[in-house]
Protein backbone atom coordinates (compact mmCIF):
# COMPACT_ATOMS: atom_id res chain seq x y z
CA MET A 1 -3.39 -8.73 -20.30
CA ASP A 2 -4.83 -5.81 -18.45
CA TYR A 3 -4.49 -3.06 -21.05
CA SER A 4 -6.23 -3.09 -24.40
CA ARG A 5 -4.51 -1.47 -27.39
CA ARG A 6 -6.68 1.60 -26.87
CA ASP A 7 -5.59 1.79 -23.22
CA PHE A 8 -1.97 1.41 -24.31
CA LEU A 9 -2.16 4.31 -26.75
CA LYS A 10 -3.80 6.50 -24.15
CA ALA A 11 -1.09 5.68 -21.66
CA SER A 12 1.63 6.43 -24.23
CA LEU A 13 0.21 9.89 -24.85
CA ALA A 14 0.02 10.48 -21.13
CA CYS A 15 3.63 9.48 -20.68
CA ALA A 16 4.74 11.78 -23.50
CA SER A 17 3.19 14.72 -21.72
CA SER A 18 4.88 13.65 -18.44
CA LEU A 19 1.51 13.38 -16.72
CA LEU A 20 0.01 9.95 -16.15
CA LEU A 21 -3.70 10.60 -15.93
CA ALA A 22 -5.53 8.17 -13.72
CA PRO A 23 -8.34 6.43 -15.60
CA GLY A 24 -10.23 6.73 -12.35
CA ALA A 25 -10.59 10.44 -12.99
CA ALA A 26 -13.67 9.47 -14.97
CA LEU A 27 -15.33 8.49 -11.71
CA SER A 28 -17.64 10.98 -10.04
CA GLN A 29 -15.73 13.92 -8.59
CA ASP A 30 -16.03 15.12 -5.02
CA LYS A 31 -13.70 16.28 -2.26
CA SER A 32 -13.00 12.71 -1.20
CA ASP A 33 -12.05 11.63 -4.72
CA PRO A 34 -8.24 11.41 -4.89
CA SER A 35 -8.27 12.16 -8.62
CA SER A 36 -8.95 15.79 -7.72
CA SER A 37 -5.48 16.25 -6.20
CA PRO A 38 -2.72 14.23 -7.88
CA SER A 39 0.83 14.75 -6.71
CA VAL A 40 4.28 13.15 -6.88
CA ALA A 41 4.44 12.52 -3.13
CA LEU A 42 6.13 9.40 -1.80
CA SER A 43 5.12 7.54 1.32
CA LYS A 44 7.19 6.11 4.16
CA HIS A 45 5.57 2.92 5.35
CA PRO A 46 7.54 0.25 7.26
CA ALA A 47 8.41 -2.64 4.97
CA GLN A 48 8.28 -6.30 5.91
CA PHE A 49 10.59 -9.20 5.05
CA TYR A 50 14.13 -7.94 5.38
CA LYS A 51 17.08 -8.38 7.68
CA LYS A 52 19.65 -5.85 8.86
CA LEU A 53 23.29 -6.19 7.88
CA ASP A 54 26.40 -4.36 9.05
CA GLY A 55 27.06 -0.79 7.98
CA SER A 56 23.35 0.16 7.92
CA ARG A 57 22.80 -2.16 4.96
CA ILE A 58 19.73 -4.34 4.73
CA GLN A 59 18.90 -7.47 2.74
CA CYS A 60 15.40 -7.60 1.29
CA GLN A 61 13.76 -11.01 1.61
CA LEU A 62 10.53 -10.29 -0.23
CA CYS A 63 11.48 -11.74 -3.60
CA PRO A 64 14.16 -14.16 -4.86
CA ARG A 65 16.49 -11.30 -5.81
CA GLU A 66 17.11 -10.69 -2.09
CA CYS A 67 18.72 -7.34 -2.87
CA ILE A 68 21.42 -6.07 -0.53
CA VAL A 69 20.55 -2.38 -0.22
CA PRO A 70 23.01 0.22 1.17
CA GLU A 71 21.73 3.09 3.29
CA GLY A 72 19.91 5.65 1.14
CA GLU A 73 19.44 3.25 -1.76
CA ARG A 74 16.55 1.16 -3.13
CA GLY A 75 16.12 -2.41 -4.26
CA TYR A 76 15.81 -3.51 -7.88
CA CYS A 77 12.05 -2.77 -7.79
CA ARG A 78 12.75 0.94 -7.05
CA VAL A 79 9.93 1.18 -4.50
CA ARG A 80 11.55 -0.19 -1.30
CA GLU A 81 14.16 2.07 0.27
CA ASN A 82 16.78 1.79 3.01
CA GLN A 83 16.52 4.85 5.25
CA LYS A 84 19.16 4.83 8.00
CA GLY A 85 19.14 1.05 8.26
CA GLU A 86 15.35 0.70 8.24
CA TYR A 87 13.40 -0.49 5.20
CA PHE A 88 10.35 1.34 3.87
CA SER A 89 7.79 1.06 1.11
CA ILE A 90 7.62 4.44 -0.64
CA VAL A 91 4.44 3.67 -2.62
CA TYR A 92 2.11 2.61 0.19
CA GLY A 93 -1.26 4.28 -0.35
CA ARG A 94 0.02 6.07 -3.47
CA PRO A 95 -1.36 4.38 -6.61
CA CYS A 96 -0.42 5.91 -9.95
CA THR A 97 -3.62 4.78 -11.67
CA TYR A 98 -7.03 3.35 -10.87
CA HIS A 99 -10.00 2.34 -12.96
CA VAL A 100 -13.14 0.19 -13.06
CA ASP A 101 -12.62 -2.84 -15.30
CA PRO A 102 -14.58 -5.93 -16.26
CA ILE A 103 -13.03 -8.89 -14.46
CA GLU A 104 -12.52 -10.53 -17.87
CA LYS A 105 -9.89 -7.89 -18.65
CA LYS A 106 -7.47 -9.23 -16.02
CA PRO A 107 -8.10 -11.88 -17.48
CA PHE A 108 -10.18 -14.06 -15.17
CA TYR A 109 -12.62 -16.37 -16.95
CA HIS A 110 -13.67 -18.61 -14.04
CA PHE A 111 -13.86 -15.95 -11.34
CA MET A 112 -17.10 -13.98 -10.99
CA PRO A 113 -17.69 -13.57 -14.75
CA GLY A 114 -19.70 -10.55 -15.77
CA THR A 115 -18.71 -8.51 -12.70
CA THR A 116 -16.46 -5.46 -12.40
CA ALA A 117 -13.29 -4.90 -10.39
CA PHE A 118 -11.99 -1.65 -8.92
CA SER A 119 -8.48 -1.85 -10.35
CA LEU A 120 -5.43 0.03 -9.18
CA ALA A 121 -1.64 -0.02 -9.38
CA ALA A 122 1.31 1.47 -7.60
CA ALA A 123 4.59 2.00 -9.43
CA GLY A 124 7.24 -0.69 -9.50
CA CYS A 125 8.18 -4.16 -10.68
CA ASN A 126 10.88 -6.71 -9.85
CA MET A 127 11.12 -7.84 -13.46
CA HIS A 128 12.13 -5.95 -16.57
CA CYS A 129 10.28 -7.68 -19.38
CA LYS A 130 11.21 -6.35 -22.78
CA PHE A 131 7.60 -6.76 -23.93
CA CYS A 132 5.93 -5.06 -20.95
CA GLN A 133 2.59 -3.55 -21.96
CA ASN A 134 2.48 -1.26 -18.94
CA TRP A 135 6.08 -0.09 -18.95
CA GLN A 136 5.07 3.55 -18.52
CA ILE A 137 4.08 2.82 -14.91
CA SER A 138 6.00 -0.36 -14.07
CA GLN A 139 9.50 0.82 -15.00
CA PRO A 140 9.87 4.48 -13.89
CA LYS A 141 10.84 5.54 -10.40
CA PRO A 142 7.69 6.33 -8.40
CA GLU A 143 8.63 10.02 -8.10
CA GLU A 144 8.49 10.24 -11.90
CA LEU A 145 4.74 9.52 -11.86
CA ARG A 146 1.74 11.45 -10.62
CA THR A 147 0.13 9.52 -7.77
CA PHE A 148 -3.00 9.69 -5.64
CA ASP A 149 -3.64 9.50 -1.92
CA LEU A 150 -5.68 6.30 -1.63
CA PRO A 151 -5.35 4.35 1.62
CA PRO A 152 -6.80 0.82 1.77
CA SER A 153 -10.06 1.94 3.40
CA ASP A 154 -10.66 4.41 0.57
CA CYS A 155 -10.06 1.64 -1.98
CA VAL A 156 -12.91 -0.27 -0.40
CA SER A 157 -15.14 2.81 -0.32
CA MET A 158 -14.49 3.62 -3.98
CA ALA A 159 -15.04 -0.02 -5.01
CA ARG A 160 -18.42 -0.02 -3.27
CA LYS A 161 -19.30 3.39 -4.70
CA SER A 162 -18.50 2.01 -8.17
CA ARG A 163 -20.60 -1.12 -7.49
CA CYS A 164 -17.67 -3.44 -8.03
CA SER A 165 -17.62 -7.00 -6.75
CA SER A 166 -13.88 -7.06 -6.22
CA ILE A 167 -10.70 -5.03 -5.93
CA ALA A 168 -7.90 -5.93 -8.35
CA ILE A 169 -4.29 -4.95 -7.73
CA THR A 170 -2.92 -5.07 -11.23
CA TYR A 171 -1.16 -3.33 -14.17
CA THR A 172 2.30 -3.30 -12.50
CA GLU A 173 3.63 -5.85 -9.96
CA PRO A 174 1.47 -5.89 -6.82
CA LEU A 175 3.97 -8.01 -4.89
CA VAL A 176 6.64 -5.30 -4.67
CA SER A 177 4.10 -3.02 -2.93
CA TYR A 178 3.43 -5.95 -0.62
CA GLU A 179 2.29 -4.01 2.45
CA TYR A 180 -0.22 -1.93 0.48
CA THR A 181 -1.51 -4.97 -1.41
CA SER A 182 -1.86 -6.96 1.82
CA ASP A 183 -3.67 -4.19 3.69
CA ILE A 184 -6.07 -3.64 0.78
CA ALA A 185 -6.82 -7.36 0.78
CA LYS A 186 -7.47 -7.36 4.53
CA ALA A 187 -9.74 -4.31 4.36
CA SER A 188 -11.54 -5.68 1.33
CA SER A 189 -12.13 -9.07 2.91
CA ALA A 190 -13.42 -7.48 6.12
CA SER A 191 -15.98 -5.52 4.10
CA GLY A 192 -17.20 -8.53 2.11
CA LEU A 193 -15.41 -7.68 -1.12
CA ALA A 194 -13.03 -10.04 -2.87
CA THR A 195 -9.44 -9.07 -3.63
CA VAL A 196 -7.61 -10.42 -6.68
CA VAL A 197 -3.98 -9.98 -7.66
CA ILE A 198 -2.47 -10.00 -11.15
CA SER A 199 1.19 -10.88 -10.84
CA ALA A 200 4.27 -12.40 -12.44
CA GLY A 201 4.71 -14.52 -9.33
CA TYR A 202 8.34 -13.66 -8.52
CA ILE A 203 8.14 -13.76 -4.72
CA ASN A 204 9.54 -15.80 -1.85
CA THR A 205 7.30 -18.44 -0.32
CA LYS A 206 6.86 -16.99 3.17
CA PRO A 207 5.45 -13.60 2.14
CA LEU A 208 3.35 -15.28 -0.55
CA GLU A 209 1.73 -17.61 1.97
CA GLY A 210 0.88 -14.65 4.20
CA LEU A 211 -0.75 -12.76 1.35
CA LEU A 212 -2.73 -15.72 0.04
CA LYS A 213 -4.69 -15.88 3.31
CA HIS A 214 -6.49 -12.70 2.26
CA LEU A 215 -6.97 -13.23 -1.49
CA ALA A 216 -9.90 -14.68 -3.42
CA ALA A 217 -8.02 -15.24 -6.67
CA ILE A 218 -4.66 -14.69 -8.31
CA LYS A 219 -3.55 -14.67 -11.94
CA ILE A 220 0.06 -15.53 -12.67
CA ASP A 221 1.96 -14.76 -15.86
CA LEU A 222 3.93 -17.87 -16.76
CA LYS A 223 6.01 -16.09 -19.33
CA ALA A 224 7.73 -19.16 -20.76
CA PHE A 225 8.87 -22.62 -19.75
CA ASP A 226 12.54 -21.93 -20.32
CA ASP A 227 14.91 -20.42 -17.79
CA SER A 228 17.11 -18.81 -20.44
CA TYR A 229 14.07 -16.91 -21.74
CA TYR A 230 13.35 -15.60 -18.24
CA ARG A 231 16.97 -14.51 -17.83
CA LYS A 232 17.32 -12.88 -21.25
CA ILE A 233 13.86 -11.36 -21.76
CA CYS A 234 12.67 -10.73 -18.19
CA GLU A 235 15.89 -10.48 -16.14
CA THR A 236 14.66 -13.12 -13.69
CA THR A 237 14.52 -16.92 -13.38
CA LEU A 238 11.82 -19.51 -13.94
CA GLU A 239 12.05 -21.78 -10.88
CA PRO A 240 10.67 -19.29 -8.29
CA VAL A 241 7.61 -18.73 -10.48
CA LEU A 242 6.97 -22.49 -10.60
CA ASP A 243 7.31 -22.58 -6.81
CA THR A 244 4.76 -19.76 -6.60
CA LEU A 245 2.29 -21.70 -8.73
CA LYS A 246 2.63 -24.79 -6.52
CA THR A 247 2.19 -22.69 -3.37
CA ILE A 248 -0.98 -21.10 -4.75
CA LYS A 249 -2.37 -24.49 -5.71
CA ALA A 250 -1.74 -25.82 -2.20
CA SER A 251 -3.45 -22.77 -0.64
CA GLY A 252 -6.77 -23.31 -2.40
CA VAL A 253 -6.88 -19.73 -3.70
CA TRP A 254 -8.40 -19.63 -7.18
CA LEU A 255 -5.65 -19.59 -9.83
CA GLU A 256 -5.55 -18.73 -13.52
CA ILE A 257 -2.45 -18.58 -15.73
CA VAL A 258 -1.53 -16.43 -18.70
CA ASN A 259 1.16 -17.43 -21.18
CA LEU A 260 1.97 -14.60 -23.61
CA ILE A 261 3.20 -16.13 -26.88
CA LEU A 262 6.03 -14.21 -28.60
CA PRO A 263 6.83 -15.33 -32.16
CA THR A 264 10.17 -17.21 -32.44
CA LEU A 265 10.98 -16.73 -28.73
CA ASN A 266 8.61 -18.93 -26.71
CA ASP A 267 6.19 -20.37 -29.26
CA SER A 268 7.59 -23.86 -29.85
CA VAL A 269 5.50 -26.98 -29.54
CA GLU A 270 8.28 -28.72 -27.63
CA GLU A 271 8.42 -26.03 -24.94
CA HIS A 272 4.66 -26.05 -24.55
CA LYS A 273 4.54 -29.81 -24.26
CA ARG A 274 6.86 -29.47 -21.26
CA MET A 275 4.79 -26.62 -19.87
CA PHE A 276 1.46 -28.41 -20.23
CA ASP A 277 2.88 -31.60 -18.77
CA TRP A 278 4.18 -29.67 -15.74
CA ILE A 279 0.83 -27.94 -15.24
CA LEU A 280 -1.05 -31.25 -15.39
CA LYS A 281 1.27 -32.90 -12.88
CA ASN A 282 1.53 -30.00 -10.44
CA LEU A 283 -1.65 -27.93 -10.80
CA GLY A 284 -4.19 -30.29 -12.32
CA GLU A 285 -6.29 -30.42 -15.45
CA SER A 286 -8.75 -27.69 -14.43
CA VAL A 287 -6.57 -24.59 -14.08
CA PRO A 288 -7.60 -22.08 -16.77
CA LEU A 289 -4.69 -21.35 -19.11
CA HIS A 290 -4.83 -18.26 -21.33
CA LEU A 291 -2.61 -18.54 -24.41
CA THR A 292 -2.38 -14.89 -25.31
CA ARG A 293 -1.49 -13.02 -28.45
CA PHE A 294 1.49 -10.68 -28.34
CA HIS A 295 1.31 -7.18 -29.88
CA PRO A 296 4.56 -5.26 -30.54
CA THR A 297 5.40 -2.89 -27.70
CA TYR A 298 8.16 -1.42 -25.52
CA ARG A 299 11.49 -3.03 -26.51
CA MET A 300 9.94 -5.75 -28.66
CA ARG A 301 8.62 -3.69 -31.54
CA ASN A 302 10.72 -5.70 -33.97
CA LEU A 303 8.48 -8.75 -33.61
CA PRO A 304 5.15 -9.18 -35.43
CA PRO A 305 1.91 -9.99 -33.61
CA THR A 306 1.51 -13.67 -32.79
CA PRO A 307 -0.01 -15.52 -35.74
CA GLN A 308 -3.45 -16.82 -34.91
CA SER A 309 -2.41 -20.17 -36.37
CA THR A 310 0.28 -20.48 -33.68
CA LEU A 311 -2.24 -19.81 -30.93
CA GLN A 312 -4.67 -22.32 -32.41
CA LYS A 313 -1.97 -24.99 -32.64
CA LEU A 314 -0.99 -24.57 -28.99
CA TYR A 315 -4.63 -24.42 -27.91
CA GLU A 316 -5.33 -27.74 -29.61
CA LEU A 317 -2.18 -29.22 -28.08
CA ALA A 318 -3.31 -28.18 -24.59
CA LYS A 319 -6.66 -29.88 -25.13
CA GLU A 320 -5.06 -33.02 -26.56
CA MET A 321 -2.77 -33.31 -23.55
CA GLY A 322 -5.71 -33.11 -21.15
CA LEU A 323 -6.08 -29.49 -20.02
CA ASN A 324 -9.80 -28.84 -19.69
CA TYR A 325 -9.82 -25.05 -19.90
CA PRO A 326 -7.28 -23.59 -22.33
CA TYR A 327 -8.20 -20.26 -23.90
CA ILE A 328 -6.93 -18.04 -26.69
CA GLY A 329 -6.55 -14.46 -25.49
CA ASN A 330 -6.19 -11.06 -27.17
CA VAL A 331 -8.11 -12.27 -30.23
CA PRO A 332 -11.63 -10.85 -29.78
CA GLY A 333 -14.35 -13.12 -31.10
CA ASP A 334 -12.20 -16.25 -31.33
CA PRO A 335 -14.35 -19.28 -30.37
CA ALA A 336 -11.43 -20.46 -28.23
CA SER A 337 -12.18 -17.62 -25.80
CA ASN A 338 -15.45 -19.35 -24.87
CA THR A 339 -15.82 -21.80 -21.99
CA TYR A 340 -16.83 -25.32 -23.01
CA CYS A 341 -17.90 -28.24 -20.87
CA PRO A 342 -15.04 -30.77 -20.92
CA LYS A 343 -17.56 -33.64 -20.81
CA CYS A 344 -20.36 -32.82 -23.28
CA LYS A 345 -18.36 -30.14 -25.19
CA LYS A 346 -21.23 -27.63 -25.25
CA ALA A 347 -20.51 -23.91 -25.00
CA LEU A 348 -21.23 -22.64 -21.49
CA ILE A 349 -19.99 -19.04 -21.57
CA ILE A 350 -19.81 -17.06 -24.82
CA ARG A 351 -17.34 -14.14 -24.85
CA ARG A 352 -17.17 -11.20 -27.22
CA GLY A 353 -14.29 -9.05 -26.06
CA PHE A 354 -15.04 -8.34 -22.41
CA ALA A 355 -18.78 -9.00 -22.76
CA ILE A 356 -19.98 -12.41 -21.64
CA ASN A 357 -23.13 -14.48 -21.93
CA ASN A 358 -23.38 -17.30 -19.41
CA ILE A 359 -25.71 -19.73 -21.15
CA GLY A 360 -24.70 -22.96 -19.51
CA ILE A 361 -23.36 -22.79 -15.93
CA VAL A 362 -25.94 -23.19 -13.18
CA HIS A 363 -24.80 -23.65 -9.58
CA SER A 364 -21.27 -24.47 -10.75
CA LYS A 365 -22.46 -27.22 -13.08
CA CYS A 366 -23.02 -27.66 -16.79
CA ARG A 367 -26.73 -27.25 -17.35
CA TYR A 368 -26.64 -29.83 -20.14
CA CYS A 369 -24.85 -32.78 -18.52
CA GLY A 370 -24.32 -31.86 -14.87
CA GLU A 371 -20.51 -31.80 -15.06
CA LEU A 372 -18.92 -29.77 -12.26
CA ILE A 373 -17.22 -26.65 -13.68
CA PRO A 374 -14.46 -25.39 -11.35
CA GLY A 375 -14.40 -21.71 -10.54
CA ILE A 376 -15.94 -19.01 -8.39
CA TRP A 377 -19.30 -18.20 -9.91
CA PRO A 378 -21.83 -15.49 -9.03
CA ASP A 379 -25.28 -16.80 -8.25
CA SER A 380 -28.54 -14.86 -8.45
CA SER A 381 -28.00 -13.25 -5.05
CA GLU A 382 -24.54 -11.94 -6.02
CA SER A 383 -22.81 -14.13 -3.46
CA ARG A 384 -19.78 -16.17 -4.44
CA GLU A 385 -19.93 -19.89 -5.04
CA GLN A 386 -16.59 -21.64 -5.27
CA THR A 387 -15.95 -25.05 -6.75
CA GLN A 388 -12.50 -26.45 -7.25
CA VAL A 389 -11.60 -29.74 -8.84
CA GLY A 390 -8.32 -31.62 -8.54
């Protein structure tokens, strides 16, 4: 989860006043700061991954929807438009929000803990999850939001100015603004910064493989392990997301998974046994898995928050089945948000909200027993040390 409850309330107020204020406005102001001149301008940047059809129609090939888009229309994501038989991204370089976040907020627990990420989002999503926490910016048309002129090079400059270790494309769905996300990642990598993506993973394999070449880490929301849930609650399908996870694993890019637990809808032990078994067989025992508490929002206000007992039960099940790094998320102070050595069981990283205390990982190993702890860890010189297992 990227937004806290406080962030959510702030965003709701902003939406009610029809002006989405960029959190980045809190950054230092000068003439080069895009927060000084918000607008509703759209861009016109050539899109990738489509083919032309007869009658000036095009077929998008970015995600599994493969929308057939007539001239003058847009795909399901609302941010890719057919203009006279050519396809364009209309949100390139036009984020609707940006902010400096702790990396733990994404959440990443095994990627550069204790560092900050310059975080930004453009409008748009190719899912329509009824529980979306960021619906105010993921679901509207981009012209309904105030945006900021922020080309990839300026993202890098602002990240460095803010002393961030990475750039995170987050909050909405970074994959539908593929060209912007890709160019940010290329510029970031060239400057020595890491780029991370927070995504639902609904993308075709070819564009995903191209993007992964420029990423340091990616977090995927595995929303359930049931295709009917995906169809009913998210208006998508499960299988392409599983393909995405396998492609990421094969690429070597650091991967973490979030599973948001909704009471009565995707909280069964039987479903999670299937999920955990699939993860073990296809991704390995060391992928961090965040079992995250749901809070009522958007079109799911009829459900209560996830009982902590449900989260604890699934957390224990994950450990029993052999996953080394399950976590409970959205429950500040829960001991299950800490990182423990799978061998000696000692606490290695203590978390209190987004604050962390690394007491036990030294050069990617448990300081108590020497067990290798997979992840990308900052060392004393602020460089990145990556260790993957499995």
